[in-house]
Every structure is written in C-alpha cells, then in structure tokens.
Amino acid sequence: MKKSSLLCMPFFVLAFVLAAGGILPSSTAQAQLSAAANHGNIKIGFFYHGDAISVSGVSDPGAELIVKMSSPETHQTLRKKGKTAGVLWMNAGTLAFAHVPNVYYMKCSSRPEGLLSRQDLCKNMIGYQAMEDHAEVKPMADGQKHRWFSEFLKYKESCRLYRVSDEGVRRMPGGGRQAYQAVFEWPYQAPPGDYQVTVYAVKAGSIIDQATCSVHAETAGLARRLTELAMKHGAIYGALSVLIAIAAGFAVGLIFGKGGGAH
C-alpha cells in the first residue's frame, strides 16, 4: 500500500506544477479578450454621411475596458494666428505637429486616468494627455506646447476627427465571461484609409489583455472615379469642373431669370 502511495506522489507533484504554470485548465482562468467591428470595409460615395461603427467582443468578467480607434501617426501643419501690433488678428506663421493621428476616437467603461498610471497611458497613447506627451510641436517656445496643442485638439474636434469619452462602453456580464459593445458615430469627414481598433482590458491598475481589429475606408462609385481622374488627369478634371460650373450657372439663370427685371 505504501509503495502504491509513493508511486502516485510524483503524479500529484507534476499536476501541481502544471496547474501553477497555467498548463492545466482552471476555473479561475481569464476569458480571452476579443474585438470585432461590424463594418470592416466602409464605402464612401456621393451620398455618404458617416456611419455607426460598433466594436464588440468578450472579456474577463469585471475588467474595465478602453476602446480606441485611430489612424496611423502622421505629420500635420496648421496656421498659427496672432495679433499684429497688438490689434489685428493675422496669420503668424505655421506650426508642425508630428507623431499625431489624423483621426482619434476613444470610449471607456471608466475614466482612464483612474485605471492606469501615466506611464501606461503614454506607452499605449491612451487619451489626449498621452498624445500631447508623445507629440512634437515645432517651432515652439518653452512653456507653449500645452497651449498650442490644446488649440490643435479644439480644431480636430471641430472637424469631428477627434472624440474622447470616459464612458460609452456597455458591459454585459454572464456565463463566466463579459460581453461588451462600444458604438462610434463615424464622421463623413474621416478620409479614406486604414484604421486600427485596439481594446484594452484593465484590472488592478494594469493592462491584462488587449485585442485589435481593423477598419478600411475607401471611396466608391462615381466619387472614386472622380478622385482617380483628379489624381491621374488633373487637366481633364479641371476642364470638366469648369464646364460643370458653367452649365450649373446657365441652368440657374434659366430657372430664376424669368423672375428678374424691373416692375
């Protein structure tokens, strides 16, 4: 009997080691984070007025979620306004913003600053403050970066290209996992291109998992043909634009010309 017990001991030890290393299934194992967008390929035509993009998936129960959708980093140049002689507002040069996305949307289940350290926020470029720390603004005098970056954010938000919210992620726990959904009102101002969706699952002040998916936007139909014409045959496109403008003016004259004249 003792011999049988001794022979079984190595198997118990091995099972304990495997379970501790996460090799054996465990009831406390985390649910794998997933992410999917309902529109993976957006068609932009003449009558396109934006779309609703839903990002959904499953996560570990109780995890806080941050959903970010952005374009690749790029360089953007904006005109800087300033007072001339302390009276008139005029163009006072340009500012170049480097390492910033052209489009940036984010929704969260809770305020990110209360979930993660500033180091983690900056590392993953989560939120406006992290973006400001990451960006380069030139030319820039000492102490002026925050001022002009704030103006940059106002401009991007007015164009509906930037939106950040501390809410908007709906979590639905059940069945040992947590389903979630975040809906973005995607603007028609967003240009064609590739956009990446990144979802972060956060617990106890750390990112425990992340998942990504992509969204591609492209012009379609007549809008695409005109875009290709403008890029490949600029002279023809310009002549066509002039002819359309003349025809439109002539048509307006025919419609409203009869009502003109003195009485």
Protein backbone atom coordinates (compact mmCIF):
# COMPACT_ATOMS: atom_id res chain seq x y z
CA MET A 1 0.00 0.00 0.00
CA LYS A 2 2.81 2.35 0.89
CA LYS A 3 4.52 1.52 -2.38
CA SER A 4 1.40 2.47 -4.33
CA SER A 5 1.12 5.80 -2.50
CA LEU A 6 4.76 6.59 -3.18
CA LEU A 7 4.35 5.83 -6.85
CA CYS A 8 1.40 8.23 -7.10
CA MET A 9 3.20 11.11 -5.42
CA PRO A 10 5.23 12.19 -8.50
CA PHE A 11 2.00 12.47 -10.49
CA PHE A 12 0.43 14.73 -7.84
CA VAL A 13 3.58 16.87 -7.79
CA LEU A 14 3.58 17.09 -11.61
CA ALA A 15 -0.11 18.02 -11.68
CA PHE A 16 0.51 20.76 -9.10
CA VAL A 17 3.41 22.20 -11.13
CA LEU A 18 1.40 22.19 -14.38
CA ALA A 19 -1.59 23.86 -12.74
CA ALA A 20 0.66 26.51 -11.16
CA GLY A 21 2.18 27.17 -14.57
CA GLY A 22 -1.21 27.59 -16.21
CA ILE A 23 -0.90 24.49 -18.39
CA LEU A 24 -3.88 22.66 -16.91
CA PRO A 25 -7.38 24.16 -17.18
CA SER A 26 -8.51 26.17 -14.20
CA SER A 27 -11.86 27.55 -13.16
CA THR A 28 -10.19 30.91 -12.46
CA ALA A 29 -8.63 31.25 -15.95
CA GLN A 30 -9.26 34.57 -17.69
CA ALA A 31 -11.56 34.79 -20.68
CA GLN A 32 -9.59 35.71 -23.81
CA LEU A 33 -10.25 39.26 -24.95
CA SER A 34 -11.72 39.59 -28.44
CA ALA A 35 -12.65 42.52 -30.68
CA ALA A 36 -14.60 42.80 -33.94
CA ALA A 37 -16.10 45.72 -35.90
CA ASN A 38 -19.45 45.49 -37.66
CA HIS A 39 -18.05 47.45 -40.63
CA GLY A 40 -14.65 46.22 -41.73
CA ASN A 41 -14.84 47.96 -45.09
CA ILE A 42 -16.55 51.37 -45.40
CA LYS A 43 -17.59 52.57 -48.85
CA ILE A 44 -17.55 56.36 -49.27
CA GLY A 45 -19.80 57.54 -52.08
CA PHE A 46 -21.52 60.82 -53.03
CA PHE A 47 -24.34 60.25 -50.57
CA TYR A 48 -22.16 59.08 -47.70
CA HIS A 49 -22.91 60.98 -44.48
CA GLY A 50 -20.95 58.94 -41.96
CA ASP A 51 -21.73 55.64 -40.33
CA ALA A 52 -22.14 53.90 -36.97
CA ILE A 53 -19.28 51.54 -36.24
CA SER A 54 -19.94 49.02 -33.47
CA VAL A 55 -16.99 47.34 -31.76
CA SER A 56 -17.90 44.29 -29.68
CA GLY A 57 -16.41 41.17 -28.13
CA VAL A 58 -15.88 39.36 -24.84
CA SER A 59 -13.50 39.95 -21.95
CA ASP A 60 -12.66 38.71 -18.49
CA PRO A 61 -15.56 39.35 -16.05
CA GLY A 62 -15.14 42.58 -14.10
CA ALA A 63 -12.46 44.00 -16.39
CA GLU A 64 -12.60 47.70 -17.23
CA LEU A 65 -12.38 48.35 -20.95
CA ILE A 66 -10.83 51.06 -23.12
CA VAL A 67 -11.71 51.04 -26.83
CA LYS A 68 -9.55 53.18 -29.12
CA MET A 69 -9.91 53.70 -32.86
CA SER A 70 -7.28 55.72 -34.71
CA SER A 71 -5.39 56.23 -37.94
CA PRO A 72 -1.59 55.84 -38.21
CA GLU A 73 0.58 58.62 -36.86
CA THR A 74 1.38 61.41 -39.29
CA HIS A 75 2.66 64.99 -39.57
CA GLN A 76 0.21 67.89 -39.81
CA THR A 77 0.82 71.60 -40.36
CA LEU A 78 -1.57 74.29 -39.19
CA ARG A 79 -1.53 78.07 -39.44
CA LYS A 80 -0.95 79.96 -36.22
CA LYS A 81 -2.99 83.09 -35.52
CA GLY A 82 -1.60 86.02 -33.60
CA LYS A 83 -2.11 89.73 -33.02
CA THR A 84 -0.17 92.16 -35.19
CA ALA A 85 0.78 95.39 -33.42
CA GLY A 86 -1.44 94.19 -30.58
CA VAL A 87 -4.59 94.95 -32.58
CA LEU A 88 -5.28 92.81 -35.67
CA TRP A 89 -5.52 89.01 -35.69
CA MET A 90 -3.49 87.66 -38.61
CA ASN A 91 -1.56 84.58 -39.67
CA ALA A 92 1.60 84.49 -37.59
CA GLY A 93 3.34 81.52 -39.15
CA THR A 94 2.76 77.77 -39.07
CA LEU A 95 3.08 75.01 -36.51
CA ALA A 96 4.09 71.45 -37.39
CA PHE A 97 2.57 68.66 -35.27
CA ALA A 98 4.46 65.36 -35.55
CA HIS A 99 3.57 61.85 -34.32
CA VAL A 100 -0.17 62.54 -34.10
CA PRO A 101 -3.01 60.56 -35.73
CA ASN A 102 -5.28 62.27 -38.21
CA VAL A 103 -8.30 60.55 -36.64
CA TYR A 104 -8.61 59.54 -32.97
CA TYR A 105 -11.71 58.16 -31.25
CA MET A 106 -11.85 56.59 -27.78
CA LYS A 107 -14.51 55.32 -25.38
CA CYS A 108 -14.08 53.78 -21.93
CA SER A 109 -16.04 51.99 -19.24
CA SER A 110 -14.40 54.28 -16.67
CA ARG A 111 -12.03 57.25 -16.59
CA PRO A 112 -8.63 56.02 -17.90
CA GLU A 113 -6.63 58.22 -15.52
CA GLY A 114 -8.27 56.35 -12.65
CA LEU A 115 -7.44 52.96 -14.16
CA LEU A 116 -3.82 53.21 -15.31
CA SER A 117 -0.63 55.03 -14.43
CA ARG A 118 0.51 57.91 -16.60
CA GLN A 119 3.38 55.72 -17.81
CA ASP A 120 0.97 53.06 -19.10
CA LEU A 121 -1.30 55.69 -20.65
CA CYS A 122 1.63 57.25 -22.50
CA LYS A 123 3.06 53.89 -23.57
CA ASN A 124 -0.23 52.99 -25.27
CA MET A 125 -1.18 56.58 -26.22
CA ILE A 126 -4.49 56.43 -24.36
CA GLY A 127 -6.13 59.86 -24.07
CA TYR A 128 -5.24 63.42 -25.01
CA GLN A 129 -2.59 63.91 -22.32
CA ALA A 130 -0.69 60.87 -23.53
CA MET A 131 -0.96 62.14 -27.11
CA GLU A 132 0.39 65.54 -26.07
CA ASP A 133 3.35 63.94 -24.29
CA HIS A 134 4.08 61.84 -27.37
CA ALA A 135 3.69 64.61 -29.97
CA GLU A 136 6.30 67.07 -31.21
CA VAL A 137 5.33 70.66 -31.96
CA LYS A 138 7.71 72.91 -33.91
CA PRO A 139 8.68 75.70 -33.77
CA MET A 140 7.78 76.08 -30.14
CA ALA A 141 8.93 78.38 -27.37
CA ASP A 142 9.40 77.00 -23.86
CA GLY A 143 6.14 76.53 -22.00
CA GLN A 144 3.96 76.98 -25.09
CA LYS A 145 3.40 73.36 -26.12
CA HIS A 146 0.32 72.79 -23.95
CA ARG A 147 -1.34 75.98 -25.19
CA TRP A 148 -0.94 75.21 -28.88
CA PHE A 149 -1.66 71.51 -28.52
CA SER A 150 -4.94 72.42 -26.81
CA GLU A 151 -5.77 74.59 -29.84
CA PHE A 152 -4.87 71.66 -32.09
CA LEU A 153 -7.31 69.42 -30.17
CA LYS A 154 -10.08 72.03 -30.45
CA TYR A 155 -9.55 72.22 -34.19
CA LYS A 156 -9.62 68.44 -34.63
CA GLU A 157 -12.76 68.12 -32.51
CA SER A 158 -14.47 70.88 -34.50
CA CYS A 159 -13.73 68.81 -37.63
CA ARG A 160 -15.22 65.77 -35.88
CA LEU A 161 -11.95 63.89 -36.32
CA TYR A 162 -11.19 63.58 -32.58
CA ARG A 163 -13.58 62.38 -29.85
CA VAL A 164 -12.70 61.11 -26.37
CA SER A 165 -15.24 59.96 -23.79
CA ASP A 166 -14.89 58.49 -20.30
CA GLU A 167 -17.99 56.41 -20.95
CA GLY A 168 -19.72 54.66 -23.84
CA VAL A 169 -18.58 51.06 -23.34
CA ARG A 170 -21.50 48.83 -22.36
CA ARG A 171 -20.53 45.73 -20.37
CA MET A 172 -22.83 42.70 -20.13
CA PRO A 173 -21.54 40.02 -17.72
CA GLY A 174 -22.88 36.48 -17.81
CA GLY A 175 -21.88 32.86 -18.24
CA GLY A 176 -18.42 33.26 -16.74
CA ARG A 177 -17.44 35.99 -19.19
CA GLN A 178 -18.25 39.61 -20.01
CA ALA A 179 -19.61 40.77 -23.37
CA TYR A 180 -19.09 44.42 -24.32
CA GLN A 181 -20.03 46.90 -27.03
CA ALA A 182 -18.94 50.42 -27.99
CA VAL A 183 -20.61 52.35 -30.82
CA PHE A 184 -18.73 55.14 -32.62
CA GLU A 185 -20.54 57.73 -34.73
CA TRP A 186 -18.03 57.66 -37.57
CA PRO A 187 -17.94 61.05 -39.36
CA TYR A 188 -18.03 61.61 -43.10
CA GLN A 189 -15.02 63.91 -42.61
CA ALA A 190 -12.77 60.92 -41.88
CA PRO A 191 -10.65 60.37 -45.01
CA PRO A 192 -10.20 57.04 -46.78
CA GLY A 193 -7.53 54.85 -45.25
CA ASP A 194 -6.80 52.13 -42.72
CA TYR A 195 -7.85 52.49 -39.09
CA GLN A 196 -6.94 50.27 -36.17
CA VAL A 197 -9.23 49.43 -33.28
CA THR A 198 -7.45 48.50 -30.03
CA VAL A 199 -9.29 47.24 -26.97
CA TYR A 200 -7.55 47.19 -23.58
CA ALA A 201 -8.79 45.09 -20.64
CA VAL A 202 -7.71 46.58 -17.30
CA LYS A 203 -7.72 45.12 -13.79
CA ALA A 204 -5.99 46.22 -10.59
CA GLY A 205 -4.22 49.11 -12.33
CA SER A 206 -2.68 47.03 -15.13
CA ILE A 207 -3.50 46.06 -18.70
CA ILE A 208 -4.16 42.32 -18.51
CA ASP A 209 -5.01 41.80 -22.18
CA GLN A 210 -5.53 43.63 -25.45
CA ALA A 211 -7.12 42.81 -28.81
CA THR A 212 -7.16 44.54 -32.18
CA CYS A 213 -9.16 44.62 -35.39
CA SER A 214 -9.06 46.88 -38.43
CA VAL A 215 -11.44 49.08 -40.41
CA HIS A 216 -10.74 50.12 -44.00
CA ALA A 217 -12.45 53.11 -45.64
CA GLU A 218 -12.35 53.76 -49.38
CA THR A 219 -14.13 55.86 -51.98
CA ALA A 220 -16.59 54.00 -54.21
CA GLY A 221 -18.65 54.53 -57.36
CA LEU A 222 -18.58 57.91 -59.09
CA ALA A 223 -16.72 59.50 -56.17
CA ARG A 224 -13.86 57.06 -56.70
CA ARG A 225 -13.76 57.66 -60.46
CA LEU A 226 -13.61 61.44 -59.97
CA THR A 227 -10.86 61.06 -57.37
CA GLU A 228 -8.81 58.91 -59.74
CA LEU A 229 -9.44 61.41 -62.57
CA ALA A 230 -8.23 64.31 -60.41
CA MET A 231 -5.07 62.43 -59.40
CA LYS A 232 -4.13 60.95 -62.77
CA HIS A 233 -5.53 63.51 -65.23
CA GLY A 234 -5.56 66.86 -63.46
CA ALA A 235 -6.02 68.95 -66.63
CA ILE A 236 -9.06 66.97 -67.77
CA TYR A 237 -10.55 67.11 -64.27
CA GLY A 238 -10.03 70.88 -64.14
CA ALA A 239 -11.65 71.43 -67.55
CA LEU A 240 -14.57 69.19 -66.58
CA SER A 241 -15.07 71.15 -63.35
CA VAL A 242 -15.20 74.44 -65.27
CA LEU A 243 -17.74 73.05 -67.77
CA ILE A 244 -19.95 71.74 -64.93
CA ALA A 245 -19.79 75.11 -63.17
CA ILE A 246 -20.77 76.95 -66.40
CA ALA A 247 -23.62 74.52 -67.04
CA ALA A 248 -24.86 74.88 -63.46
CA GLY A 249 -24.80 78.69 -63.76
CA PHE A 250 -26.66 78.56 -67.06
CA ALA A 251 -29.31 76.26 -65.56
CA VAL A 252 -29.81 78.58 -62.58
CA GLY A 253 -30.18 81.51 -64.99
CA LEU A 254 -32.87 79.70 -66.94
CA ILE A 255 -34.80 78.78 -63.79
CA PHE A 256 -34.68 82.12 -62.00
CA GLY A 257 -34.03 84.52 -64.92
CA LYS A 258 -37.70 84.80 -65.82
CA GLY A 259 -38.48 86.36 -62.47
CA GLY A 260 -35.92 89.14 -62.92
CA GLY A 261 -36.34 92.61 -64.37
CA ALA A 262 -37.92 95.85 -63.17
CA HIS A 263 -41.64 96.21 -62.38
